[in-house]
Amino acid sequence: MFDFKEVEAFVWITRLGSFRLAAQHLHLTQPSISERINKLETTLETRLLERTRRPVQPTLKGREFYRHAEALLEARQKALSMMELNTPFQGVLRLGVVETVAHSWLPGFLAELARRYPDLTLELEVDSSPGLAAMLTAGDIDLAFLMGPVTAESVLNRFLCNYTMGFVISPALGFTEDNFSLRRLNHLPLISFARNSRPHHELGSMLHQMGLDDVKLHCSSSLWTIVRMTLDGLGVGAIPPRIVAEEIRQGTLLSLPCDLPELTFTASWPTHMESALAEGVCELAIEIARQDQEAHSQIA
């Protein structure tokens, strides 16, 4: 079977009409380019060039082969150009995000991602942080924005952003910043993230340290279920106030003081992922998250 070097030599001799000029163009010696043509003709068992004519002309079979040879080289160049990743964000990116990100700065991120990298196809998964970590280590997604870091050896992590935790409540329940206290909740429950989540564990630990083990702690894996229950006055939401920035602005929810630690989010990806792709997407996510935090910095 012939190779592309032999085909390339034939195409350039045909185009330039000279072994010498083709050798110069390809930065080869004339004996080297002659050897390539000899190998090609031997493989095809036919003569492709009229060597005695000046300029060198293809034979009848050579003219027929020339059309196919040009198509081969063009297809090869397209394949090489794609693999060179001049725009490294091509193909499919399987991205997993938690709801906290999905309902804050993700829309802005996706819009900018599409603008900067129009050849990228996105497959989006929204799940809990434990769920995304499991998908990541199983190879079901390529990149995740989650409460991290993911501790698996096969996963790399990069800090993405922090979210300040807070208590949010319906004004109909009568609490204000001045009179709110966890000790005054009576039978009113707290509502927060899923039982296996870090915020749920930290909230439970805080209640225990305060001697408030009798306070009910409802949980849900759906962030917007938490928001809906809080809006309906069914409890006090323990979530990042940023998620309900619009409701706070409209006055349908109040943001109250909270001593819970911030939520730390990372971008996490498997070690075998193309580093340029991972870093490029992460840089963009960090930029959009920072802009979002600056825009909502006044939300307590």
Protein backbone atom coordinates (compact mmCIF):
# COMPACT_ATOMS: atom_id res chain seq x y z
CA MET A 1 0.00 0.00 0.00
CA PHE A 2 1.26 3.48 -0.86
CA ASP A 3 1.60 6.21 1.76
CA PHE A 4 0.80 9.91 1.74
CA LYS A 5 4.43 10.95 1.16
CA GLU A 6 4.43 9.15 -2.18
CA VAL A 7 1.05 10.60 -3.14
CA GLU A 8 2.23 14.08 -2.16
CA ALA A 9 5.34 13.72 -4.31
CA PHE A 10 3.25 12.68 -7.32
CA VAL A 11 0.78 15.57 -6.88
CA TRP A 12 3.51 18.22 -6.67
CA ILE A 13 5.45 16.85 -9.65
CA THR A 14 2.23 16.96 -11.66
CA ARG A 15 1.44 20.49 -10.51
CA LEU A 16 4.94 21.90 -11.10
CA GLY A 17 5.90 19.73 -14.09
CA SER A 18 9.35 19.01 -12.62
CA PHE A 19 11.02 16.55 -10.25
CA ARG A 20 13.49 19.26 -9.27
CA LEU A 21 10.86 21.92 -8.45
CA ALA A 22 8.74 19.40 -6.56
CA ALA A 23 11.80 18.33 -4.53
CA GLN A 24 12.53 21.97 -3.67
CA HIS A 25 8.91 22.57 -2.64
CA LEU A 26 8.89 19.54 -0.36
CA HIS A 27 12.41 20.20 0.95
CA LEU A 28 13.69 16.90 -0.43
CA THR A 29 16.57 15.83 -2.62
CA GLN A 30 15.75 14.91 -6.20
CA PRO A 31 16.80 11.26 -5.68
CA SER A 32 14.43 11.04 -2.69
CA ILE A 33 11.44 12.30 -4.64
CA SER A 34 12.30 9.99 -7.53
CA GLU A 35 12.40 7.05 -5.11
CA ARG A 36 8.94 7.92 -3.83
CA ILE A 37 7.50 7.96 -7.34
CA ASN A 38 9.17 4.64 -8.15
CA LYS A 39 7.62 3.09 -5.04
CA LEU A 40 4.21 4.50 -5.90
CA GLU A 41 4.32 3.20 -9.47
CA THR A 42 5.52 -0.19 -8.26
CA THR A 43 2.66 -0.42 -5.79
CA LEU A 44 0.07 0.61 -8.38
CA GLU A 45 1.74 -1.51 -11.08
CA THR A 46 1.44 1.26 -13.64
CA ARG A 47 3.46 4.21 -14.93
CA LEU A 48 2.08 7.53 -13.75
CA LEU A 49 4.49 10.07 -15.28
CA GLU A 50 6.02 10.70 -18.70
CA ARG A 51 9.58 11.42 -17.59
CA THR A 52 10.94 12.18 -21.07
CA ARG A 53 8.60 15.13 -21.64
CA ARG A 54 9.34 18.67 -20.49
CA PRO A 55 7.50 19.72 -18.44
CA VAL A 56 6.83 16.30 -16.93
CA GLN A 57 3.28 15.19 -17.75
CA PRO A 58 1.08 12.49 -16.17
CA THR A 59 0.17 9.47 -18.25
CA LEU A 60 -3.44 8.62 -18.98
CA LYS A 61 -3.55 6.50 -15.82
CA GLY A 62 -1.63 9.24 -14.04
CA ARG A 63 -4.29 11.85 -14.89
CA GLU A 64 -6.97 9.55 -13.55
CA PHE A 65 -5.01 8.89 -10.35
CA TYR A 66 -4.25 12.60 -9.92
CA ARG A 67 -7.90 13.43 -9.21
CA HIS A 68 -8.03 10.83 -6.46
CA ALA A 69 -4.62 11.85 -5.11
CA GLU A 70 -5.70 15.48 -4.68
CA ALA A 71 -8.84 14.37 -2.85
CA LEU A 72 -6.76 12.17 -0.55
CA LEU A 73 -4.42 15.01 0.34
CA GLU A 74 -7.28 17.41 0.92
CA ALA A 75 -9.03 14.94 3.24
CA ARG A 76 -5.76 14.34 5.08
CA GLN A 77 -5.23 18.08 5.57
CA LYS A 78 -8.74 18.53 6.96
CA ALA A 79 -8.16 15.70 9.43
CA LEU A 80 -4.81 17.15 10.50
CA SER A 81 -6.26 20.64 10.88
CA MET A 82 -8.99 19.28 13.14
CA MET A 83 -6.51 17.36 15.30
CA GLU A 84 -4.21 20.37 15.60
CA LEU A 85 -7.04 21.94 17.62
CA ASN A 86 -6.46 25.48 16.45
CA THR A 87 -9.82 25.94 18.15
CA PRO A 88 -9.43 23.32 20.86
CA PHE A 89 -13.09 23.32 21.79
CA GLN A 90 -14.55 21.02 19.17
CA GLY A 91 -16.56 17.86 19.52
CA VAL A 92 -18.75 16.94 22.50
CA LEU A 93 -18.21 18.13 26.07
CA ARG A 94 -20.19 16.26 28.74
CA LEU A 95 -20.59 18.82 31.52
CA GLY A 96 -22.13 18.16 34.91
CA VAL A 97 -23.26 20.99 37.21
CA VAL A 98 -25.02 21.26 40.56
CA GLU A 99 -28.27 23.18 40.83
CA THR A 100 -26.61 26.01 42.74
CA VAL A 101 -24.55 26.78 39.64
CA ALA A 102 -27.37 25.95 37.23
CA HIS A 103 -29.64 28.55 38.81
CA SER A 104 -27.08 31.32 39.17
CA TRP A 105 -24.32 31.94 36.62
CA LEU A 106 -24.66 28.89 34.34
CA PRO A 107 -26.84 30.66 31.71
CA GLY A 108 -24.23 33.39 31.30
CA PHE A 109 -21.48 30.80 31.12
CA LEU A 110 -23.27 28.78 28.43
CA ALA A 111 -23.94 31.88 26.34
CA GLU A 112 -20.28 32.92 26.44
CA LEU A 113 -19.10 29.34 25.83
CA ALA A 114 -21.24 29.17 22.69
CA ARG A 115 -19.97 32.56 21.51
CA ARG A 116 -16.30 31.74 22.01
CA TYR A 117 -16.39 28.13 20.87
CA PRO A 118 -19.17 27.67 18.32
CA ASP A 119 -17.94 24.21 17.27
CA LEU A 120 -18.41 22.77 20.75
CA THR A 121 -21.41 20.49 21.34
CA LEU A 122 -22.59 20.36 24.95
CA GLU A 123 -24.25 17.51 26.85
CA LEU A 124 -25.44 18.93 30.19
CA GLU A 125 -26.18 16.95 33.36
CA VAL A 126 -27.64 18.55 36.50
CA ASP A 127 -27.22 16.50 39.66
CA SER A 128 -26.03 16.62 43.26
CA SER A 129 -22.33 16.90 44.05
CA PRO A 130 -22.04 13.25 45.17
CA GLY A 131 -23.90 12.17 42.04
CA LEU A 132 -21.64 14.21 39.78
CA ALA A 133 -18.51 12.93 41.53
CA ALA A 134 -19.66 9.37 40.92
CA MET A 135 -20.40 10.13 37.26
CA LEU A 136 -16.99 11.74 36.90
CA THR A 137 -15.06 8.78 38.28
CA ALA A 138 -17.18 6.37 36.22
CA GLY A 139 -16.31 8.26 33.02
CA ASP A 140 -19.92 9.30 32.35
CA ILE A 141 -19.08 13.03 32.21
CA ASP A 142 -15.94 14.95 31.21
CA LEU A 143 -16.08 17.92 33.58
CA ALA A 144 -18.08 18.88 36.65
CA PHE A 145 -18.83 22.09 38.54
CA LEU A 146 -19.65 20.88 42.04
CA MET A 147 -19.01 21.21 45.77
CA GLY A 148 -15.52 19.83 45.76
CA PRO A 149 -12.85 18.86 45.64
CA VAL A 150 -13.31 15.32 44.35
CA THR A 151 -10.76 13.20 46.20
CA ALA A 152 -10.31 10.38 43.65
CA GLU A 153 -6.70 9.98 42.46
CA SER A 154 -7.81 10.02 38.83
CA VAL A 155 -9.48 13.45 39.16
CA LEU A 156 -7.94 16.93 39.01
CA ASN A 157 -9.58 19.87 40.80
CA ARG A 158 -9.42 23.62 40.42
CA PHE A 159 -11.07 26.19 42.69
CA LEU A 160 -14.06 27.76 40.99
CA CYS A 161 -15.94 29.98 43.44
CA ASN A 162 -17.46 30.28 46.91
CA TYR A 163 -21.10 30.75 47.84
CA THR A 164 -22.09 32.42 51.09
CA MET A 165 -24.71 30.41 52.97
CA GLY A 166 -27.71 32.12 54.54
CA PHE A 167 -31.19 31.71 55.94
CA VAL A 168 -34.07 32.92 53.79
CA ILE A 169 -37.65 33.15 54.96
CA SER A 170 -41.07 34.30 53.86
CA PRO A 171 -42.00 37.69 55.38
CA ALA A 172 -45.40 36.20 56.19
CA LEU A 173 -43.82 34.27 59.07
CA GLY A 174 -43.12 37.50 60.93
CA PHE A 175 -39.35 37.25 61.36
CA THR A 176 -36.97 40.11 60.62
CA GLU A 177 -33.20 40.54 60.87
CA ASP A 178 -33.72 42.03 64.31
CA ASN A 179 -35.83 39.28 65.89
CA PHE A 180 -34.73 36.14 64.07
CA SER A 181 -33.05 33.39 66.06
CA LEU A 182 -32.81 29.66 65.55
CA ARG A 183 -33.94 29.31 69.17
CA ARG A 184 -37.23 31.02 68.29
CA LEU A 185 -38.18 28.67 65.49
CA ASN A 186 -40.49 26.61 67.73
CA HIS A 187 -41.98 24.01 65.38
CA LEU A 188 -40.82 25.74 62.18
CA PRO A 189 -38.33 23.49 60.34
CA LEU A 190 -35.16 24.36 58.50
CA ILE A 191 -35.06 23.26 54.86
CA SER A 192 -31.76 22.55 53.15
CA PHE A 193 -29.83 20.36 50.74
CA ALA A 194 -29.94 16.56 50.51
CA ARG A 195 -29.05 14.43 53.53
CA ASN A 196 -25.73 13.27 52.03
CA SER A 197 -24.60 16.81 51.19
CA ARG A 198 -21.97 18.89 52.98
CA PRO A 199 -24.39 21.77 53.83
CA HIS A 200 -26.82 19.33 55.46
CA HIS A 201 -24.06 17.82 57.62
CA GLU A 202 -22.73 21.26 58.62
CA LEU A 203 -26.18 22.56 59.47
CA GLY A 204 -26.95 19.48 61.58
CA SER A 205 -23.61 19.86 63.37
CA MET A 206 -24.31 23.52 64.11
CA LEU A 207 -27.74 22.73 65.54
CA HIS A 208 -26.23 20.00 67.72
CA GLN A 209 -23.54 22.34 69.05
CA MET A 210 -26.22 24.90 69.90
CA GLY A 211 -28.25 22.27 71.74
CA LEU A 212 -31.04 22.52 69.18
CA ASP A 213 -31.37 18.86 68.31
CA ASP A 214 -35.15 19.22 68.48
CA VAL A 215 -35.21 21.59 65.48
CA LYS A 216 -36.53 19.75 62.49
CA LEU A 217 -34.21 19.67 59.48
CA HIS A 218 -36.05 18.94 56.25
CA CYS A 219 -33.95 18.17 53.18
CA SER A 220 -34.40 17.87 49.44
CA SER A 221 -32.17 17.00 46.52
CA SER A 222 -34.03 19.65 44.48
CA LEU A 223 -32.94 23.22 45.12
CA TRP A 224 -36.10 24.64 43.65
CA THR A 225 -38.23 22.43 45.88
CA ILE A 226 -36.43 24.06 48.83
CA VAL A 227 -37.13 27.50 47.36
CA ARG A 228 -40.79 26.67 46.73
CA MET A 229 -41.30 25.36 50.26
CA THR A 230 -39.62 28.46 51.67
CA LEU A 231 -41.76 30.80 49.56
CA ASP A 232 -44.86 28.96 50.80
CA GLY A 233 -43.84 29.58 54.40
CA LEU A 234 -43.25 25.92 55.21
CA GLY A 235 -39.87 26.57 56.83
CA VAL A 236 -36.64 28.53 56.79
CA GLY A 237 -34.49 27.90 53.76
CA ALA A 238 -30.80 27.28 54.47
CA ILE A 239 -29.30 28.00 51.05
CA PRO A 240 -27.04 30.58 49.37
CA PRO A 241 -29.10 33.81 49.16
CA ARG A 242 -27.65 34.36 45.69
CA ILE A 243 -29.96 31.61 44.40
CA VAL A 244 -33.02 33.67 45.36
CA ALA A 245 -31.61 37.11 44.57
CA GLU A 246 -34.67 38.06 42.54
CA GLU A 247 -37.09 36.95 45.26
CA ILE A 248 -35.12 38.95 47.84
CA ARG A 249 -35.18 41.99 45.57
CA GLN A 250 -38.94 41.66 45.11
CA GLY A 251 -39.50 41.24 48.84
CA THR A 252 -41.07 37.78 48.63
CA LEU A 253 -38.16 36.41 50.68
CA LEU A 254 -35.97 37.93 53.38
CA SER A 255 -32.29 37.14 53.84
CA LEU A 256 -31.26 36.57 57.49
CA PRO A 257 -27.89 36.26 59.24
CA CYS A 258 -26.20 32.86 59.18
CA ASP A 259 -23.01 31.45 60.72
CA LEU A 260 -22.66 28.51 58.36
CA PRO A 261 -19.37 28.23 56.42
CA GLU A 262 -19.19 29.14 52.77
CA LEU A 263 -19.74 26.51 50.12
CA THR A 264 -16.63 25.88 48.06
CA PHE A 265 -17.07 24.83 44.45
CA THR A 266 -14.47 23.32 42.16
CA ALA A 267 -14.15 22.45 38.53
CA SER A 268 -13.15 18.78 38.47
CA TRP A 269 -12.11 16.57 35.57
CA PRO A 270 -10.35 13.22 34.97
CA THR A 271 -6.58 13.23 34.52
CA HIS A 272 -6.86 11.79 31.01
CA MET A 273 -8.92 14.73 29.70
CA GLU A 274 -7.25 17.05 27.20
CA SER A 275 -5.63 19.64 29.47
CA ALA A 276 -6.08 22.57 27.07
CA LEU A 277 -9.81 21.90 26.87
CA ALA A 278 -10.22 21.53 30.63
CA GLU A 279 -8.20 24.65 31.44
CA GLY A 280 -9.91 26.73 28.76
CA VAL A 281 -13.41 25.88 29.97
CA CYS A 282 -12.36 26.34 33.61
CA GLU A 283 -10.87 29.78 32.94
CA LEU A 284 -14.13 30.87 31.35
CA ALA A 285 -16.19 29.45 34.24
CA ILE A 286 -14.01 31.23 36.81
CA GLU A 287 -14.38 34.49 34.90
CA ILE A 288 -18.18 34.22 34.67
CA ALA A 289 -18.51 33.15 38.34
CA ARG A 290 -16.40 36.11 39.45
CA GLN A 291 -18.53 38.51 37.42
CA ASP A 292 -21.68 37.02 38.93
CA GLN A 293 -20.36 37.38 42.48
CA GLU A 294 -19.39 41.00 41.86
CA ALA A 295 -22.85 41.74 40.46
CA HIS A 296 -24.55 40.22 43.54
CA SER A 297 -22.06 41.25 46.21
CA GLN A 298 -24.70 43.20 48.16
CA ILE A 299 -26.84 40.12 48.80
CA ALA A 300 -26.25 39.07 52.38
